[in-house]
């Protein structure tokens, strides 16, 4: 169950604030369940870069959702 439609739209708007490369990592990590190591290999970047980009993406998402989804 994805939750209320409004919350889905808030999340979608918030995701648009995340840089494209980090959005790809977010989807591969949290939707597809790939590990940091797998993400690093696929994207051709270090595991530390994966971790920092995901941390930054989560921070952007938290802030956007706290503001009401980035409206």
PDB file of N, CA and C in Angstrom:
ATOM      1  N   UNK A   1       0.843  -1.182   0.000  1.00  0.00           N
ATOM      2  CA  UNK A   1       0.000   0.000   0.000  1.00  0.00           C
ATOM      3  C   UNK A   1       0.889   1.246   0.000  1.00  0.00           C
ATOM      4  N   UNK A   2       0.851   2.054  -1.037  1.00  0.00           N
ATOM      5  CA  UNK A   2       1.718   3.225  -1.128  1.00  0.00           C
ATOM      6  C   UNK A   2       1.312   4.395  -0.244  1.00  0.00           C
ATOM      7  N   UNK A   3       0.165   4.293   0.422  1.00  0.00           N
ATOM      8  CA  UNK A   3      -0.277   5.374   1.284  1.00  0.00           C
ATOM      9  C   UNK A   3      -1.204   6.327   0.560  1.00  0.00           C
ATOM     10  N   UNK A   4      -1.576   7.411   1.239  1.00  0.00           N
ATOM     11  CA  UNK A   4      -2.499   8.378   0.639  1.00  0.00           C
ATOM     12  C   UNK A   4      -1.916   8.991  -0.634  1.00  0.00           C
ATOM     13  N   UNK A   5      -2.772   9.249  -1.628  1.00  0.00           N
ATOM     14  CA  UNK A   5      -2.284   9.821  -2.894  1.00  0.00           C
ATOM     15  C   UNK A   5      -1.525  11.133  -2.710  1.00  0.00           C
ATOM     16  N   UNK A   6      -1.956  11.961  -1.783  1.00  0.00           N
ATOM     17  CA  UNK A   6      -1.270  13.234  -1.540  1.00  0.00           C
ATOM     18  C   UNK A   6       0.155  13.038  -1.068  1.00  0.00           C
ATOM     19  N   UNK A   7       0.346  12.023  -0.240  1.00  0.00           N
ATOM     20  CA  UNK A   7       1.699  11.741   0.273  1.00  0.00           C
ATOM     21  C   UNK A   7       2.599  11.243  -0.852  1.00  0.00           C
ATOM     22  N   UNK A   8       2.035  10.453  -1.757  1.00  0.00           N
ATOM     23  CA  UNK A   8       2.792   9.982  -2.923  1.00  0.00           C
ATOM     24  C   UNK A   8       3.250  11.177  -3.760  1.00  0.00           C
ATOM     25  N   UNK A   9       2.354  12.127  -3.974  1.00  0.00           N
ATOM     26  CA  UNK A   9       2.707  13.316  -4.757  1.00  0.00           C
ATOM     27  C   UNK A   9       3.764  14.152  -4.051  1.00  0.00           C
ATOM     28  N   UNK A  10       3.665  14.243  -2.716  1.00  0.00           N
ATOM     29  CA  UNK A  10       4.691  14.952  -1.947  1.00  0.00           C
ATOM     30  C   UNK A  10       6.055  14.301  -2.154  1.00  0.00           C
ATOM     31  N   UNK A  11       6.092  12.974  -2.086  1.00  0.00           N
ATOM     32  CA  UNK A  11       7.356  12.260  -2.267  1.00  0.00           C
ATOM     33  C   UNK A  11       7.891  12.463  -3.675  1.00  0.00           C
ATOM     34  N   UNK A  12       7.013  12.405  -4.641  1.00  0.00           N
ATOM     35  CA  UNK A  12       7.433  12.594  -6.041  1.00  0.00           C
ATOM     36  C   UNK A  12       8.029  13.990  -6.248  1.00  0.00           C
ATOM     37  N   UNK A  13       7.364  14.998  -5.695  1.00  0.00           N
ATOM     38  CA  UNK A  13       7.885  16.372  -5.799  1.00  0.00           C
ATOM     39  C   UNK A  13       9.233  16.496  -5.091  1.00  0.00           C
ATOM     40  N   UNK A  14       9.326  15.879  -3.922  1.00  0.00           N
ATOM     41  CA  UNK A  14      10.574  15.939  -3.157  1.00  0.00           C
ATOM     42  C   UNK A  14      11.712  15.270  -3.920  1.00  0.00           C
ATOM     43  N   UNK A  15      11.422  14.154  -4.562  1.00  0.00           N
ATOM     44  CA  UNK A  15      12.456  13.454  -5.335  1.00  0.00           C
ATOM     45  C   UNK A  15      12.989  14.312  -6.477  1.00  0.00           C
ATOM     46  N   UNK A  16      12.157  15.177  -7.019  1.00  0.00           N
ATOM     47  CA  UNK A  16      12.604  16.048  -8.111  1.00  0.00           C
ATOM     48  C   UNK A  16      13.653  17.059  -7.652  1.00  0.00           C
ATOM     49  N   UNK A  17      13.748  17.290  -6.354  1.00  0.00           N
ATOM     50  CA  UNK A  17      14.776  18.189  -5.815  1.00  0.00           C
ATOM     51  C   UNK A  17      16.141  17.506  -5.722  1.00  0.00           C
ATOM     52  N   UNK A  18      16.143  16.199  -5.744  1.00  0.00           N
ATOM     53  CA  UNK A  18      17.392  15.434  -5.634  1.00  0.00           C
ATOM     54  C   UNK A  18      18.066  15.418  -7.006  1.00  0.00           C
ATOM     55  N   UNK A  19      19.378  15.681  -7.056  1.00  0.00           N
ATOM     56  CA  UNK A  19      20.078  15.611  -8.344  1.00  0.00           C
ATOM     57  C   UNK A  19      19.859  14.260  -9.030  1.00  0.00           C
ATOM     58  N   UNK A  20      19.814  14.282 -10.345  1.00  0.00           N
ATOM     59  CA  UNK A  20      19.474  13.089 -11.133  1.00  0.00           C
ATOM     60  C   UNK A  20      20.320  11.869 -10.759  1.00  0.00           C
ATOM     61  N   UNK A  21      21.630  12.029 -10.686  1.00  0.00           N
ATOM     62  CA  UNK A  21      22.498  10.885 -10.384  1.00  0.00           C
ATOM     63  C   UNK A  21      22.157  10.285  -9.018  1.00  0.00           C
ATOM     64  N   UNK A  22      21.889  11.134  -8.045  1.00  0.00           N
ATOM     65  CA  UNK A  22      21.530  10.647  -6.717  1.00  0.00           C
ATOM     66  C   UNK A  22      20.152   9.994  -6.733  1.00  0.00           C
ATOM     67  N   UNK A  23      19.232  10.523  -7.550  1.00  0.00           N
ATOM     68  CA  UNK A  23      17.893   9.908  -7.679  1.00  0.00           C
ATOM     69  C   UNK A  23      18.006   8.495  -8.202  1.00  0.00           C
ATOM     70  N   UNK A  24      18.897   8.288  -9.162  1.00  0.00           N
ATOM     71  CA  UNK A  24      19.120   6.942  -9.702  1.00  0.00           C
ATOM     72  C   UNK A  24      19.598   6.023  -8.585  1.00  0.00           C
ATOM     73  N   UNK A  25      20.548   6.490  -7.783  1.00  0.00           N
ATOM     74  CA  UNK A  25      21.048   5.678  -6.675  1.00  0.00           C
ATOM     75  C   UNK A  25      19.941   5.366  -5.669  1.00  0.00           C
ATOM     76  N   UNK A  26      19.116   6.360  -5.365  1.00  0.00           N
ATOM     77  CA  UNK A  26      18.005   6.154  -4.422  1.00  0.00           C
ATOM     78  C   UNK A  26      17.086   5.052  -4.932  1.00  0.00           C
ATOM     79  N   UNK A  27      16.729   5.113  -6.197  1.00  0.00           N
ATOM     80  CA  UNK A  27      15.834   4.095  -6.765  1.00  0.00           C
ATOM     81  C   UNK A  27      16.482   2.717  -6.737  1.00  0.00           C
ATOM     82  N   UNK A  28      17.729   2.639  -7.149  1.00  0.00           N
ATOM     83  CA  UNK A  28      18.398   1.334  -7.179  1.00  0.00           C
ATOM     84  C   UNK A  28      18.581   0.767  -5.775  1.00  0.00           C
ATOM     85  N   UNK A  29      18.831   1.638  -4.808  1.00  0.00           N
ATOM     86  CA  UNK A  29      19.054   1.180  -3.430  1.00  0.00           C
ATOM     87  C   UNK A  29      17.740   0.803  -2.741  1.00  0.00           C
ATOM     88  N   UNK A  30      16.775   1.716  -2.764  1.00  0.00           N
ATOM     89  CA  UNK A  30      15.585   1.537  -1.935  1.00  0.00           C
ATOM     90  C   UNK A  30      14.409   0.883  -2.652  1.00  0.00           C
ATOM     91  N   UNK A  31      14.407   0.881  -3.958  1.00  0.00           N
ATOM     92  CA  UNK A  31      13.354   0.189  -4.703  1.00  0.00           C
ATOM     93  C   UNK A  31      13.844  -1.188  -5.127  1.00  0.00           C
ATOM     94  N   UNK A  32      15.046  -1.222  -5.705  1.00  0.00           N
ATOM     95  CA  UNK A  32      15.582  -2.490  -6.215  1.00  0.00           C
ATOM     96  C   UNK A  32      16.399  -3.259  -5.181  1.00  0.00           C
ATOM     97  N   UNK A  33      16.783  -2.615  -4.076  1.00  0.00           N
ATOM     98  CA  UNK A  33      17.471  -3.298  -2.992  1.00  0.00           C
ATOM     99  C   UNK A  33      18.938  -3.613  -3.242  1.00  0.00           C
ATOM    100  N   UNK A  34      19.589  -2.868  -4.122  1.00  0.00           N
ATOM    101  CA  UNK A  34      21.002  -3.129  -4.400  1.00  0.00           C
ATOM    102  C   UNK A  34      21.878  -2.642  -3.246  1.00  0.00           C
ATOM    103  N   UNK A  35      23.007  -3.302  -3.068  1.00  0.00           N
ATOM    104  CA  UNK A  35      23.950  -2.925  -2.012  1.00  0.00           C
ATOM    105  C   UNK A  35      24.788  -1.731  -2.450  1.00  0.00           C
ATOM    106  N   UNK A  36      25.472  -1.121  -1.482  1.00  0.00           N
ATOM    107  CA  UNK A  36      26.378  -0.019  -1.804  1.00  0.00           C
ATOM    108  C   UNK A  36      27.446  -0.486  -2.795  1.00  0.00           C
ATOM    109  N   UNK A  37      27.966  -1.647  -2.583  1.00  0.00           N
ATOM    110  CA  UNK A  37      29.007  -2.186  -3.467  1.00  0.00           C
ATOM    111  C   UNK A  37      28.474  -2.375  -4.888  1.00  0.00           C
ATOM    112  N   UNK A  38      27.259  -2.923  -4.993  1.00  0.00           N
ATOM    113  CA  UNK A  38      26.652  -3.113  -6.320  1.00  0.00           C
ATOM    114  C   UNK A  38      26.429  -1.771  -7.018  1.00  0.00           C
ATOM    115  N   UNK A  39      25.951  -0.795  -6.254  1.00  0.00           N
ATOM    116  CA  UNK A  39      25.725   0.535  -6.824  1.00  0.00           C
ATOM    117  C   UNK A  39      27.032   1.144  -7.319  1.00  0.00           C
ATOM    118  N   UNK A  40      28.077   1.003  -6.524  1.00  0.00           N
ATOM    119  CA  UNK A  40      29.383   1.545  -6.911  1.00  0.00           C
ATOM    120  C   UNK A  40      29.866   0.911  -8.211  1.00  0.00           C
ATOM    121  N   UNK A  41      29.724  -0.385  -8.314  1.00  0.00           N
ATOM    122  CA  UNK A  41      30.170  -1.093  -9.516  1.00  0.00           C
ATOM    123  C   UNK A  41      29.362  -0.652 -10.735  1.00  0.00           C
ATOM    124  N   UNK A  42      28.051  -0.606 -10.589  1.00  0.00           N
ATOM    125  CA  UNK A  42      27.171  -0.233 -11.702  1.00  0.00           C
ATOM    126  C   UNK A  42      27.442   1.197 -12.171  1.00  0.00           C
ATOM    127  N   UNK A  43      27.612   2.117 -11.232  1.00  0.00           N
ATOM    128  CA  UNK A  43      27.779   3.535 -11.576  1.00  0.00           C
ATOM    129  C   UNK A  43      29.231   3.909 -11.860  1.00  0.00           C
ATOM    130  N   UNK A  44      30.166   3.014 -11.545  1.00  0.00           N
ATOM    131  CA  UNK A  44      31.575   3.312 -11.783  1.00  0.00           C
ATOM    132  C   UNK A  44      32.139   4.353 -10.833  1.00  0.00           C
ATOM    133  N   UNK A  45      31.653   4.322  -9.580  1.00  0.00           N
ATOM    134  CA  UNK A  45      32.115   5.255  -8.553  1.00  0.00           C
ATOM    135  C   UNK A  45      32.480   4.465  -7.308  1.00  0.00           C
ATOM    136  N   UNK A  46      33.112   5.123  -6.341  1.00  0.00           N
ATOM    137  CA  UNK A  46      33.517   4.431  -5.118  1.00  0.00           C
ATOM    138  C   UNK A  46      32.315   4.200  -4.192  1.00  0.00           C
ATOM    139  N   UNK A  47      32.474   3.241  -3.296  1.00  0.00           N
ATOM    140  CA  UNK A  47      31.433   2.967  -2.298  1.00  0.00           C
ATOM    141  C   UNK A  47      31.213   4.209  -1.433  1.00  0.00           C
ATOM    142  N   UNK A  48      32.299   4.900  -1.085  1.00  0.00           N
ATOM    143  CA  UNK A  48      32.156   6.116  -0.272  1.00  0.00           C
ATOM    144  C   UNK A  48      31.354   7.189  -1.000  1.00  0.00           C
ATOM    145  N   UNK A  49      31.540   7.306  -2.298  1.00  0.00           N
ATOM    146  CA  UNK A  49      30.763   8.271  -3.080  1.00  0.00           C
ATOM    147  C   UNK A  49      29.291   7.881  -3.094  1.00  0.00           C
ATOM    148  N   UNK A  50      29.021   6.597  -3.237  1.00  0.00           N
ATOM    149  CA  UNK A  50      27.634   6.111  -3.177  1.00  0.00           C
ATOM    150  C   UNK A  50      27.012   6.505  -1.844  1.00  0.00           C
ATOM    151  N   UNK A  51      27.717   6.219  -0.757  1.00  0.00           N
ATOM    152  CA  UNK A  51      27.186   6.517   0.576  1.00  0.00           C
ATOM    153  C   UNK A  51      26.943   8.012   0.759  1.00  0.00           C
ATOM    154  N   UNK A  52      27.885   8.837   0.305  1.00  0.00           N
ATOM    155  CA  UNK A  52      27.707  10.280   0.487  1.00  0.00           C
ATOM    156  C   UNK A  52      26.574  10.820  -0.382  1.00  0.00           C
ATOM    157  N   UNK A  53      26.426  10.311  -1.600  1.00  0.00           N
ATOM    158  CA  UNK A  53      25.329  10.766  -2.458  1.00  0.00           C
ATOM    159  C   UNK A  53      23.979  10.337  -1.902  1.00  0.00           C
ATOM    160  N   UNK A  54      23.904   9.129  -1.354  1.00  0.00           N
ATOM    161  CA  UNK A  54      22.648   8.675  -0.744  1.00  0.00           C
ATOM    162  C   UNK A  54      22.323   9.497   0.501  1.00  0.00           C
ATOM    163  N   UNK A  55      23.339   9.804   1.306  1.00  0.00           N
ATOM    164  CA  UNK A  55      23.117  10.613   2.507  1.00  0.00           C
ATOM    165  C   UNK A  55      22.610  12.004   2.125  1.00  0.00           C
ATOM    166  N   UNK A  56      23.212  12.586   1.111  1.00  0.00           N
ATOM    167  CA  UNK A  56      22.779  13.907   0.645  1.00  0.00           C
ATOM    168  C   UNK A  56      21.346  13.845   0.109  1.00  0.00           C
ATOM    169  N   UNK A  57      21.036  12.803  -0.641  1.00  0.00           N
ATOM    170  CA  UNK A  57      19.681  12.636  -1.181  1.00  0.00           C
ATOM    171  C   UNK A  57      18.664  12.517  -0.053  1.00  0.00           C
ATOM    172  N   UNK A  58      18.988  11.733   0.974  1.00  0.00           N
ATOM    173  CA  UNK A  58      18.066  11.586   2.116  1.00  0.00           C
ATOM    174  C   UNK A  58      17.857  12.921   2.823  1.00  0.00           C
ATOM    175  N   UNK A  59      18.931  13.690   2.948  1.00  0.00           N
ATOM    176  CA  UNK A  59      18.835  15.003   3.585  1.00  0.00           C
ATOM    177  C   UNK A  59      17.922  15.936   2.787  1.00  0.00           C
ATOM    178  N   UNK A  60      18.084  15.941   1.480  1.00  0.00           N
ATOM    179  CA  UNK A  60      17.230  16.763   0.610  1.00  0.00           C
ATOM    180  C   UNK A  60      15.775  16.313   0.721  1.00  0.00           C
ATOM    181  N   UNK A  61      15.560  15.002   0.712  1.00  0.00           N
ATOM    182  CA  UNK A  61      14.196  14.471   0.816  1.00  0.00           C
ATOM    183  C   UNK A  61      13.553  14.851   2.145  1.00  0.00           C
ATOM    184  N   UNK A  62      14.310  14.698   3.239  1.00  0.00           N
ATOM    185  CA  UNK A  62      13.777  15.064   4.560  1.00  0.00           C
ATOM    186  C   UNK A  62      13.353  16.528   4.584  1.00  0.00           C
ATOM    187  N   UNK A  63      14.223  17.397   4.088  1.00  0.00           N
ATOM    188  CA  UNK A  63      13.921  18.832   4.095  1.00  0.00           C
ATOM    189  C   UNK A  63      12.705  19.142   3.221  1.00  0.00           C
ATOM    190  N   UNK A  64      12.659  18.559   2.039  1.00  0.00           N
ATOM    191  CA  UNK A  64      11.538  18.815   1.123  1.00  0.00           C
ATOM    192  C   UNK A  64      10.228  18.312   1.706  1.00  0.00           C
ATOM    193  N   UNK A  65      10.249  17.139   2.312  1.00  0.00           N
ATOM    194  CA  UNK A  65       9.020  16.589   2.893  1.00  0.00           C
ATOM    195  C   UNK A  65       8.581  17.394   4.112  1.00  0.00           C
ATOM    196  N   UNK A  66       9.544  17.906   4.875  1.00  0.00           N
ATOM    197  CA  UNK A  66       9.207  18.742   6.029  1.00  0.00           C
ATOM    198  C   UNK A  66       8.534  20.038   5.581  1.00  0.00           C
ATOM    199  N   UNK A  67       8.878  20.497   4.374  1.00  0.00           N
ATOM    200  CA  UNK A  67       8.274  21.712   3.818  1.00  0.00           C
ATOM    201  C   UNK A  67       6.951  21.419   3.117  1.00  0.00           C
ATOM    202  N   UNK A  68       6.546  20.183   3.093  1.00  0.00           N
ATOM    203  CA  UNK A  68       5.289  19.830   2.438  1.00  0.00           C
ATOM    204  C   UNK A  68       5.469  19.266   1.051  1.00  0.00           C
ATOM    205  N   UNK A  69       6.576  18.569   0.835  1.00  0.00           N
ATOM    206  CA  UNK A  69       6.772  17.882  -0.431  1.00  0.00           C
ATOM    207  C   UNK A  69       7.383  18.721  -1.525  1.00  0.00           C
ATOM    208  N   UNK A  70       7.869  19.892  -1.188  1.00  0.00           N
ATOM    209  CA  UNK A  70       8.536  20.694  -2.200  1.00  0.00           C
ATOM    210  C   UNK A  70       7.601  21.499  -3.069  1.00  0.00           C
ATOM    211  N   UNK A  71       6.404  21.735  -2.587  1.00  0.00           N
ATOM    212  CA  UNK A  71       5.419  22.511  -3.371  1.00  0.00           C
ATOM    213  C   UNK A  71       5.871  23.933  -3.554  1.00  0.00           C
TER     214      UNK A  71
END
